[in-house]
Amino acid sequence: MSHVIDDQRLSDPTGHRSQAGKARFAAFLGTTVEWYDFFIYSTAAALAFGPVFFPHQTQGTALLLSFATFWSGFLARPVGAIVFGHLGDKVGRKNTLVATLLIMGTATFCIGILPGADTIGVWAPVLLVFFRALQGFGVGGEWGGAVLLASESDAKSKTVRGGMWVQQGSPAGNILATAAFSLIALLPNDQFIAWGWRVPFLLSAVLVIIGLVIRTRLEESPEFIRAKEENAQVKIPLAVLLRDHWKPTVAAVFASAIGIAMAYFVSTFMLSYATNSLSIDRQHMLNILLGAAVLQFLWQPLATRIAERIGSSRFMVVSLVAQAIFVIPMFLMANTGNLVLIAVGIYLSYMAGAGYYAVLAGFLAQAFPPEVRYTGVSFAYQASSTLIGGTTPMLAQLFLNSVGWQGVAGFNIVLILVTIIGVAALAAITGFSAATERQQRHVDNAASAAEAAKATDSTNSDTPHSPMEA
């Protein structure tokens, strides 16, 4: 069966390119749903979950508890990464990604219809944690699979530019989520708390349905088919990963640290900090964050092109250093209460971090062989999300309560330094450099050209000649 698929690809290069385009779009759409779900949850946690699910607590305690439920989803992510990574490496990328999208969508919709504590008492926060964990379980297999769906679609995608399609889902999901909450935030506060925050959760069903339609029509990844034909699959991918590839796995965990935490610092914590500590109008902050997401969406494609020229790891380190430099100015500008300065501070930090984030997916995908790639990328990224990213809003709030904004800024800078060490270590372990990346692109482009030429020759030889040509 797979030989037939490969023959069809060879005889129809245009169809193959179309399939590759569909794969990249399906990866982008799935990650958009993932980040849309994340941003609406984090926004609701900052603005609504306290009075809805923890109405008898003080504002500070309610925020901490809301962010704690936020972290519960991250506890389930590594489990999802292991389960769906195993299925993705054994059964295939396509069907696994259909399952992850369906699980994420179901959990998000259920949160949207979940009654508050005034209606069902303690069961409200308990069920909130359950659905958040279910959401995290699905997300655990989504990101790594989406990276492979985009990067394995054809030779031209086996670069950081191929992985960029996945990373574009972050600002796209942010734009949709912030736009939805910006409209809902126009409601009077009592209506916003009573029912308004639920609307973005229910609207996620539309994105999920579109994503499912597209993903069910995809073909399987060519690299997965090739690995299956060559019997390159392994029985237990996680065991092989931890036995034979533990060094790049550990390095990838640290290399992913601020990529996950960045969004939580700026979008979740800064939203809460500005509205609750600085008394900035939530609508103004949502508008600023919407602008940041638009800038990220426009900047990331250009960032990957620059990274391919100077080298992924070098570009990531430069971006991370710039982000570390902008952390303290971001807080100083926010503390003025001036909306223009708040926007400038957030945009500088966000754009620096987005340069690193744009390259991260392709960078990680190149670190593992095909037979354990789904498991490796998913497990490393989601382990980082649990240990580092998911705790960020809660720890930042604790630092704010005990030390002040200086403690939060220091925490952010430490995470950036940890990430720089991880990126440098992964580059050293895998031998990434600008020269090796350029060489790999030349090899991939040559292979793509040879495949296209072979397909053209095959098509011409099968075409009947007219008597005049004979």
Protein backbone atom coordinates (compact mmCIF):
# COMPACT_ATOMS: atom_id res chain seq x y z
CA MET A 1 0.00 0.00 0.00
CA SER A 2 2.76 2.42 0.91
CA HIS A 3 4.55 1.60 -2.34
CA VAL A 4 1.45 2.68 -4.21
CA ILE A 5 1.42 5.94 -2.30
CA ASP A 6 5.08 6.54 -3.08
CA ASP A 7 4.51 5.76 -6.77
CA GLN A 8 1.66 8.23 -6.85
CA ARG A 9 3.89 10.87 -5.32
CA LEU A 10 6.61 10.23 -7.87
CA SER A 11 4.23 10.35 -10.79
CA ASP A 12 2.51 13.48 -9.54
CA PRO A 13 5.02 15.95 -8.10
CA THR A 14 2.40 18.69 -8.18
CA GLY A 15 0.12 16.54 -6.04
CA HIS A 16 3.01 15.85 -3.67
CA ARG A 17 3.65 19.56 -3.27
CA SER A 18 -0.07 20.08 -2.67
CA GLN A 19 -0.05 17.35 -0.02
CA ALA A 20 2.99 18.95 1.64
CA GLY A 21 1.18 22.28 1.70
CA LYS A 22 -1.87 20.66 3.28
CA ALA A 23 0.35 18.99 5.88
CA ARG A 24 1.95 22.30 6.84
CA PHE A 25 -1.44 24.00 7.05
CA ALA A 26 -2.86 21.13 9.14
CA ALA A 27 0.10 21.45 11.51
CA PHE A 28 -0.38 25.20 11.72
CA LEU A 29 -4.11 24.87 12.38
CA GLY A 30 -3.67 22.25 15.09
CA THR A 31 -1.10 24.36 16.91
CA THR A 32 -3.38 27.37 16.53
CA VAL A 33 -6.10 25.42 18.37
CA GLU A 34 -3.56 24.37 21.02
CA TRP A 35 -2.44 27.94 21.68
CA TYR A 36 -5.95 29.36 21.39
CA ASP A 37 -7.01 26.95 24.13
CA PHE A 38 -3.98 27.92 26.19
CA PHE A 39 -4.49 31.67 25.85
CA ILE A 40 -8.21 31.60 26.62
CA TYR A 41 -7.53 29.46 29.70
CA SER A 42 -4.69 31.65 30.94
CA THR A 43 -6.70 34.82 30.27
CA ALA A 44 -9.74 33.43 32.07
CA ALA A 45 -7.50 32.31 34.95
CA ALA A 46 -6.17 35.85 35.29
CA LEU A 47 -9.53 37.61 34.92
CA ALA A 48 -12.43 35.30 35.85
CA PHE A 49 -11.57 31.96 37.49
CA GLY A 50 -10.98 33.47 40.95
CA PRO A 51 -14.56 34.66 41.57
CA VAL A 52 -16.11 31.77 39.59
CA PHE A 53 -14.29 28.77 41.08
CA PHE A 54 -12.73 30.21 44.28
CA PRO A 55 -15.26 32.85 45.39
CA HIS A 56 -14.52 32.58 49.12
CA GLN A 57 -10.78 33.28 48.86
CA THR A 58 -8.89 36.58 48.90
CA GLN A 59 -7.93 37.99 45.51
CA GLY A 60 -4.26 36.97 45.85
CA THR A 61 -5.10 33.44 47.01
CA ALA A 62 -7.74 33.02 44.31
CA LEU A 63 -5.18 34.01 41.66
CA LEU A 64 -2.68 31.50 43.03
CA LEU A 65 -5.30 28.74 43.00
CA SER A 66 -6.37 29.69 39.47
CA PHE A 67 -2.76 29.48 38.27
CA ALA A 68 -2.40 26.17 40.13
CA THR A 69 -5.26 24.70 38.06
CA PHE A 70 -3.43 26.08 35.04
CA TRP A 71 -0.38 24.00 36.03
CA SER A 72 -2.45 20.81 36.39
CA GLY A 73 -2.65 20.65 32.62
CA PHE A 74 1.12 20.62 32.42
CA LEU A 75 1.37 17.66 34.77
CA ALA A 76 -0.54 15.63 32.19
CA ARG A 77 1.52 16.82 29.22
CA PRO A 78 4.48 14.42 29.62
CA VAL A 79 2.03 11.53 29.94
CA GLY A 80 0.38 12.60 26.69
CA ALA A 81 3.81 13.02 25.10
CA ILE A 82 4.77 9.45 26.04
CA VAL A 83 1.46 7.88 24.96
CA PHE A 84 1.01 9.78 21.71
CA GLY A 85 4.73 9.79 20.98
CA HIS A 86 4.63 5.99 21.13
CA LEU A 87 1.56 5.85 18.89
CA GLY A 88 3.01 8.41 16.48
CA ASP A 89 6.25 6.45 16.07
CA LYS A 90 4.46 3.08 15.84
CA VAL A 91 1.06 3.69 14.23
CA GLY A 92 1.64 6.92 12.32
CA ARG A 93 1.59 10.69 12.61
CA LYS A 94 -1.78 11.35 10.95
CA ASN A 95 -4.17 9.26 13.08
CA THR A 96 -2.38 10.24 16.28
CA LEU A 97 -2.83 13.93 15.50
CA VAL A 98 -6.54 13.44 14.81
CA ALA A 99 -6.87 11.95 18.32
CA THR A 100 -4.92 14.75 20.04
CA LEU A 101 -7.00 17.45 18.37
CA LEU A 102 -10.27 15.73 19.32
CA ILE A 103 -9.20 15.38 22.98
CA MET A 104 -8.08 19.01 23.23
CA GLY A 105 -11.31 20.27 21.69
CA THR A 106 -13.58 18.16 23.90
CA ALA A 107 -11.83 19.26 27.10
CA THR A 108 -11.93 22.94 26.16
CA PHE A 109 -15.64 22.82 25.32
CA CYS A 110 -16.40 21.09 28.64
CA ILE A 111 -14.62 23.87 30.56
CA GLY A 112 -16.86 26.35 28.77
CA ILE A 113 -20.03 24.70 30.10
CA LEU A 114 -18.70 23.86 33.59
CA PRO A 115 -20.84 25.37 36.41
CA GLY A 116 -19.14 27.53 39.04
CA ALA A 117 -18.54 26.90 42.74
CA ASP A 118 -21.75 28.70 43.73
CA THR A 119 -23.70 26.06 41.78
CA ILE A 120 -21.95 22.73 42.41
CA GLY A 121 -19.60 23.62 45.26
CA VAL A 122 -16.21 21.96 45.51
CA TRP A 123 -16.89 19.86 42.40
CA ALA A 124 -16.42 22.96 40.28
CA PRO A 125 -12.66 23.35 40.87
CA VAL A 126 -12.24 19.55 40.93
CA LEU A 127 -13.80 19.19 37.47
CA LEU A 128 -11.88 22.23 36.26
CA VAL A 129 -8.63 20.47 37.19
CA PHE A 130 -9.83 17.26 35.50
CA PHE A 131 -10.71 18.93 32.20
CA ARG A 132 -7.54 21.00 32.31
CA ALA A 133 -5.53 17.78 32.80
CA LEU A 134 -7.40 16.15 29.90
CA GLN A 135 -6.60 19.19 27.78
CA GLY A 136 -2.93 18.88 28.75
CA PHE A 137 -2.94 15.16 27.92
CA GLY A 138 -4.01 15.96 24.36
CA VAL A 139 -1.59 18.87 24.05
CA GLY A 140 1.22 16.54 25.14
CA GLY A 141 1.06 14.74 21.81
CA GLU A 142 -0.03 17.67 19.65
CA TRP A 143 3.01 19.94 19.40
CA GLY A 144 5.62 17.27 18.66
CA GLY A 145 3.36 15.61 16.10
CA ALA A 146 2.59 18.91 14.42
CA VAL A 147 6.32 19.66 14.16
CA LEU A 148 6.85 16.35 12.36
CA LEU A 149 3.78 16.80 10.18
CA ALA A 150 5.27 20.05 8.88
CA SER A 151 8.96 19.16 8.81
CA GLU A 152 8.59 15.67 7.29
CA SER A 153 6.17 16.71 4.54
CA ASP A 154 8.90 17.23 1.91
CA ALA A 155 12.61 17.96 1.56
CA LYS A 156 12.19 21.73 1.60
CA SER A 157 10.45 21.52 4.97
CA LYS A 158 13.35 19.76 6.72
CA THR A 159 14.64 23.08 8.01
CA VAL A 160 13.77 25.57 10.70
CA ARG A 161 11.52 27.20 8.11
CA GLY A 162 9.42 24.03 7.97
CA GLY A 163 9.08 24.03 11.76
CA MET A 164 8.13 27.71 11.62
CA TRP A 165 4.67 26.75 10.32
CA VAL A 166 4.01 25.10 13.66
CA GLN A 167 5.32 28.07 15.63
CA GLN A 168 3.03 30.42 13.73
CA GLY A 169 0.18 28.73 15.56
CA SER A 170 1.23 30.49 18.77
CA PRO A 171 0.64 34.08 17.62
CA ALA A 172 -2.35 32.99 15.52
CA GLY A 173 -3.98 31.36 18.54
CA ASN A 174 -3.07 34.39 20.63
CA ILE A 175 -4.63 36.75 18.09
CA LEU A 176 -7.88 34.78 17.99
CA ALA A 177 -8.04 34.36 21.77
CA THR A 178 -7.21 37.98 22.54
CA ALA A 179 -9.65 39.23 19.91
CA ALA A 180 -12.39 37.06 21.41
CA PHE A 181 -11.69 38.25 24.95
CA SER A 182 -11.34 41.86 23.80
CA LEU A 183 -14.93 41.74 22.56
CA ILE A 184 -16.20 39.89 25.63
CA ALA A 185 -14.35 42.29 27.95
CA LEU A 186 -16.65 45.08 26.75
CA LEU A 187 -19.40 43.49 28.84
CA PRO A 188 -20.11 44.82 32.34
CA ASN A 189 -17.94 43.00 34.86
CA ASP A 190 -20.82 41.06 36.45
CA GLN A 191 -21.89 39.68 33.06
CA PHE A 192 -18.28 38.95 32.09
CA ILE A 193 -17.88 36.86 35.26
CA ALA A 194 -21.34 35.27 35.00
CA TRP A 195 -21.15 34.00 31.40
CA GLY A 196 -18.97 36.13 29.13
CA TRP A 197 -15.68 34.31 29.77
CA ARG A 198 -17.31 31.05 28.60
CA VAL A 199 -17.93 32.19 25.02
CA PRO A 200 -14.31 31.85 23.76
CA PHE A 201 -14.19 28.29 25.16
CA LEU A 202 -17.33 27.32 23.26
CA LEU A 203 -16.11 28.95 20.04
CA SER A 204 -13.05 26.66 20.04
CA ALA A 205 -15.32 23.92 18.68
CA VAL A 206 -15.38 25.69 15.31
CA LEU A 207 -11.58 25.57 14.99
CA VAL A 208 -11.48 21.94 16.10
CA ILE A 209 -14.04 20.85 13.50
CA ILE A 210 -12.13 22.60 10.70
CA GLY A 211 -8.88 21.00 11.89
CA LEU A 212 -10.42 17.52 12.03
CA VAL A 213 -11.78 17.81 8.48
CA ILE A 214 -8.34 18.76 7.15
CA ARG A 215 -6.36 16.19 9.14
CA THR A 216 -8.58 13.24 8.23
CA ARG A 217 -7.89 13.96 4.55
CA LEU A 218 -4.10 13.95 4.87
CA GLU A 219 -1.74 11.20 3.77
CA GLU A 220 0.80 9.73 6.15
CA SER A 221 4.25 11.30 6.54
CA PRO A 222 6.66 10.08 3.79
CA GLU A 223 9.47 9.63 6.33
CA PHE A 224 7.27 7.50 8.59
CA ILE A 225 6.28 5.31 5.62
CA ARG A 226 9.93 4.94 4.63
CA ALA A 227 10.96 4.02 8.18
CA LYS A 228 8.17 1.44 8.33
CA GLU A 229 9.19 -0.11 5.01
CA GLU A 230 12.81 -0.33 6.10
CA ASN A 231 11.80 -1.90 9.44
CA ALA A 232 13.48 0.99 11.22
CA GLN A 233 10.73 1.18 13.83
CA VAL A 234 11.47 0.23 17.42
CA LYS A 235 9.20 -1.61 19.87
CA ILE A 236 9.33 0.92 22.70
CA PRO A 237 10.43 4.34 21.39
CA LEU A 238 10.69 5.90 24.87
CA ALA A 239 13.08 3.18 26.08
CA VAL A 240 15.30 3.62 23.03
CA LEU A 241 15.16 7.39 23.41
CA LEU A 242 16.28 7.35 27.04
CA ARG A 243 18.90 4.67 26.42
CA ASP A 244 20.50 5.84 23.17
CA HIS A 245 19.53 9.52 22.91
CA TRP A 246 19.41 10.74 26.51
CA LYS A 247 21.97 13.49 26.00
CA PRO A 248 20.06 15.37 23.28
CA THR A 249 16.83 14.72 25.21
CA VAL A 250 18.14 16.42 28.37
CA ALA A 251 19.62 19.28 26.35
CA ALA A 252 16.32 19.70 24.47
CA VAL A 253 14.42 19.99 27.77
CA PHE A 254 16.54 22.96 28.83
CA ALA A 255 16.63 24.42 25.30
CA SER A 256 12.80 24.60 25.40
CA ALA A 257 12.54 26.32 28.78
CA ILE A 258 11.85 29.97 27.99
CA GLY A 259 10.02 29.11 24.76
CA ILE A 260 7.18 27.85 26.90
CA ALA A 261 7.60 30.26 29.80
CA MET A 262 7.84 33.37 27.59
CA ALA A 263 4.18 33.34 26.66
CA TYR A 264 3.20 32.86 30.30
CA PHE A 265 5.36 35.72 31.50
CA VAL A 266 4.06 38.21 28.98
CA SER A 267 0.52 37.08 28.25
CA THR A 268 -0.55 35.56 31.58
CA PHE A 269 1.51 37.10 34.35
CA MET A 270 1.87 40.59 32.84
CA LEU A 271 -1.88 40.69 32.17
CA SER A 272 -2.56 39.80 35.80
CA TYR A 273 0.18 42.14 37.11
CA ALA A 274 -0.98 45.14 35.09
CA THR A 275 -4.69 44.73 35.83
CA ASN A 276 -4.48 43.66 39.50
CA SER A 277 -1.32 45.38 40.79
CA LEU A 278 -1.12 48.46 38.56
CA SER A 279 -4.89 48.95 38.05
CA ILE A 280 -4.51 49.12 34.26
CA ASP A 281 -7.79 48.64 32.40
CA ARG A 282 -8.02 45.04 31.17
CA GLN A 283 -9.24 46.16 27.73
CA HIS A 284 -6.12 48.28 27.23
CA MET A 285 -3.89 45.35 28.22
CA LEU A 286 -5.72 42.96 25.92
CA ASN A 287 -5.24 45.41 23.04
CA ILE A 288 -1.51 45.63 23.80
CA LEU A 289 -1.20 41.84 23.88
CA LEU A 290 -3.13 41.58 20.61
CA GLY A 291 -0.60 43.93 19.01
CA ALA A 292 2.26 41.79 20.36
CA ALA A 293 0.75 38.67 18.78
CA VAL A 294 0.38 40.38 15.40
CA LEU A 295 4.02 41.52 15.50
CA GLN A 296 5.13 37.98 16.40
CA PHE A 297 3.15 36.51 13.50
CA LEU A 298 4.81 38.92 11.05
CA TRP A 299 8.32 38.61 12.50
CA GLN A 300 8.71 34.82 12.80
CA PRO A 301 8.91 33.96 9.05
CA LEU A 302 11.66 36.55 8.60
CA ALA A 303 13.43 35.31 11.72
CA THR A 304 13.68 31.76 10.35
CA ARG A 305 15.22 33.01 7.11
CA ILE A 306 17.85 34.92 9.05
CA ALA A 307 18.48 31.86 11.24
CA GLU A 308 19.07 29.67 8.19
CA ARG A 309 21.71 32.10 6.98
CA ILE A 310 23.68 32.54 10.20
CA GLY A 311 22.87 29.22 11.91
CA SER A 312 19.96 28.23 14.14
CA SER A 313 21.80 27.97 17.44
CA ARG A 314 23.68 31.25 16.93
CA PHE A 315 20.48 33.11 16.07
CA MET A 316 18.65 31.59 19.05
CA VAL A 317 21.39 32.63 21.49
CA VAL A 318 21.44 36.20 20.13
CA SER A 319 17.65 36.40 20.47
CA LEU A 320 17.77 35.06 24.02
CA VAL A 321 20.47 37.52 25.09
CA ALA A 322 18.35 40.36 23.70
CA GLN A 323 15.33 39.06 25.59
CA ALA A 324 17.30 38.94 28.86
CA ILE A 325 18.39 42.55 28.33
CA PHE A 326 14.78 43.69 27.85
CA VAL A 327 13.30 42.01 30.96
CA ILE A 328 14.02 44.74 33.53
CA PRO A 329 13.14 47.62 31.15
CA MET A 330 9.80 45.87 30.51
CA PHE A 331 8.92 46.04 34.21
CA LEU A 332 10.23 49.59 34.63
CA MET A 333 8.10 50.75 31.70
CA ALA A 334 5.06 48.87 33.01
CA ASN A 335 5.42 50.43 36.46
CA THR A 336 5.03 53.93 34.98
CA GLY A 337 1.41 53.12 34.15
CA ASN A 338 1.86 54.78 30.75
CA LEU A 339 0.16 52.65 28.09
CA VAL A 340 2.65 53.57 25.37
CA LEU A 341 5.63 52.62 27.54
CA ILE A 342 3.89 49.42 28.66
CA ALA A 343 3.38 48.46 25.01
CA VAL A 344 6.98 49.27 24.05
CA GLY A 345 8.38 47.22 26.95
CA ILE A 346 6.22 44.20 26.16
CA TYR A 347 6.86 44.41 22.42
CA LEU A 348 10.65 44.54 22.81
CA SER A 349 10.68 41.50 25.10
CA TYR A 350 8.13 39.63 22.99
CA MET A 351 9.91 40.20 19.67
CA ALA A 352 13.27 39.07 21.05
CA GLY A 353 11.72 35.91 22.45
CA ALA A 354 9.75 35.29 19.25
CA GLY A 355 12.96 35.15 17.22
CA TYR A 356 14.17 32.25 19.36
CA TYR A 357 10.74 30.60 19.44
CA ALA A 358 10.34 30.68 15.65
CA VAL A 359 13.43 28.49 15.23
CA LEU A 360 12.85 26.13 18.16
CA ALA A 361 10.60 23.56 16.45
CA GLY A 362 12.89 22.90 13.49
CA PHE A 363 15.92 22.96 15.79
CA LEU A 364 14.49 20.19 18.00
CA ALA A 365 13.20 18.09 15.08
CA GLN A 366 16.73 17.78 13.68
CA ALA A 367 18.04 16.37 16.97
CA PHE A 368 16.34 12.94 16.77
CA PRO A 369 16.19 10.11 14.17
CA PRO A 370 12.79 9.32 12.54
CA GLU A 371 12.12 6.15 14.55
CA VAL A 372 12.04 8.05 17.87
CA ARG A 373 11.49 11.59 16.62
CA TYR A 374 7.83 11.94 17.66
CA THR A 375 8.62 10.63 21.14
CA GLY A 376 11.83 12.65 21.46
CA VAL A 377 10.45 16.01 20.40
CA SER A 378 7.20 15.59 22.34
CA PHE A 379 8.75 14.24 25.54
CA ALA A 380 11.53 16.86 25.73
CA TYR A 381 9.24 19.79 25.00
CA GLN A 382 6.44 18.69 27.31
CA ALA A 383 8.79 17.71 30.15
CA SER A 384 10.11 21.26 29.95
CA SER A 385 6.56 22.61 29.93
CA THR A 386 5.75 20.72 33.14
CA LEU A 387 8.94 21.40 35.07
CA ILE A 388 9.44 24.99 33.95
CA GLY A 389 6.75 26.53 31.76
CA GLY A 390 3.65 25.45 33.62
CA THR A 391 4.93 26.64 36.99
CA THR A 392 5.86 30.09 35.67
CA PRO A 393 2.63 32.05 36.41
CA MET A 394 2.31 30.52 39.89
CA LEU A 395 5.99 31.05 40.81
CA ALA A 396 5.96 34.55 39.34
CA GLN A 397 2.94 35.40 41.51
CA LEU A 398 4.73 33.98 44.56
CA PHE A 399 7.84 36.06 43.80
CA LEU A 400 5.66 39.13 43.34
CA ASN A 401 3.91 38.58 46.68
CA SER A 402 7.14 37.97 48.60
CA VAL A 403 9.86 40.00 46.83
CA GLY A 404 8.16 42.29 44.34
CA TRP A 405 8.63 42.74 40.61
CA GLN A 406 12.42 42.49 40.98
CA GLY A 407 12.06 38.86 42.01
CA VAL A 408 9.89 38.12 38.99
CA ALA A 409 12.40 39.78 36.65
CA GLY A 410 15.27 37.81 38.18
CA PHE A 411 13.32 34.57 37.80
CA ASN A 412 12.72 35.36 34.12
CA ILE A 413 16.39 36.10 33.47
CA VAL A 414 17.48 32.86 35.16
CA LEU A 415 15.16 30.87 32.87
CA ILE A 416 16.61 32.62 29.83
CA LEU A 417 20.16 31.73 30.94
CA VAL A 418 19.11 28.09 31.44
CA THR A 419 17.70 28.09 27.91
CA ILE A 420 20.92 29.50 26.44
CA ILE A 421 22.87 26.68 28.10
CA GLY A 422 20.41 24.13 26.69
CA VAL A 423 20.63 25.51 23.14
CA ALA A 424 24.44 25.56 23.23
CA ALA A 425 24.56 22.02 24.64
CA LEU A 426 22.15 20.63 22.04
CA ALA A 427 24.10 22.30 19.23
CA ALA A 428 27.34 20.78 20.55
CA ILE A 429 25.85 17.29 20.99
CA THR A 430 24.23 17.14 17.56
CA GLY A 431 26.91 19.08 15.68
CA PHE A 432 24.58 21.86 14.54
CA SER A 433 26.30 24.79 12.86
CA ALA A 434 25.56 27.23 10.08
CA ALA A 435 27.83 25.24 7.75
CA THR A 436 26.22 21.87 8.49
CA GLU A 437 22.72 23.32 8.11
CA ARG A 438 23.62 24.83 4.72
CA GLN A 439 25.13 21.52 3.64
CA GLN A 440 21.98 19.66 4.71
CA ARG A 441 19.80 22.11 2.77
CA HIS A 442 21.90 21.52 -0.36
CA VAL A 443 21.51 17.75 0.07
CA ASP A 444 17.74 18.04 0.61
CA ASN A 445 17.30 20.39 -2.34
CA ALA A 446 19.33 18.07 -4.57
CA ALA A 447 17.22 15.11 -3.46
CA SER A 448 14.04 17.06 -4.12
CA ALA A 449 15.25 18.07 -7.59
CA ALA A 450 16.26 14.49 -8.40
CA GLU A 451 12.85 13.21 -7.30
CA ALA A 452 11.08 15.80 -9.45
CA ALA A 453 13.28 14.93 -12.45
CA LYS A 454 12.60 11.24 -11.97
CA ALA A 455 8.87 11.91 -11.79
CA THR A 456 9.02 13.99 -14.98
CA ASP A 457 10.96 11.29 -16.85
CA SER A 458 8.50 8.67 -15.65
CA THR A 459 5.55 10.76 -16.83
CA ASN A 460 7.14 11.39 -20.24
CA SER A 461 7.95 7.72 -20.77
CA ASP A 462 4.35 6.76 -20.01
CA THR A 463 2.93 9.33 -22.45
CA PRO A 464 2.11 7.77 -25.89
CA HIS A 465 3.95 9.43 -28.79
CA SER A 466 2.14 10.58 -31.91
CA PRO A 467 3.11 9.10 -35.34
CA MET A 468 4.73 12.43 -36.22
CA GLU A 469 7.00 12.17 -33.15
CA ALA A 470 7.89 8.59 -34.06
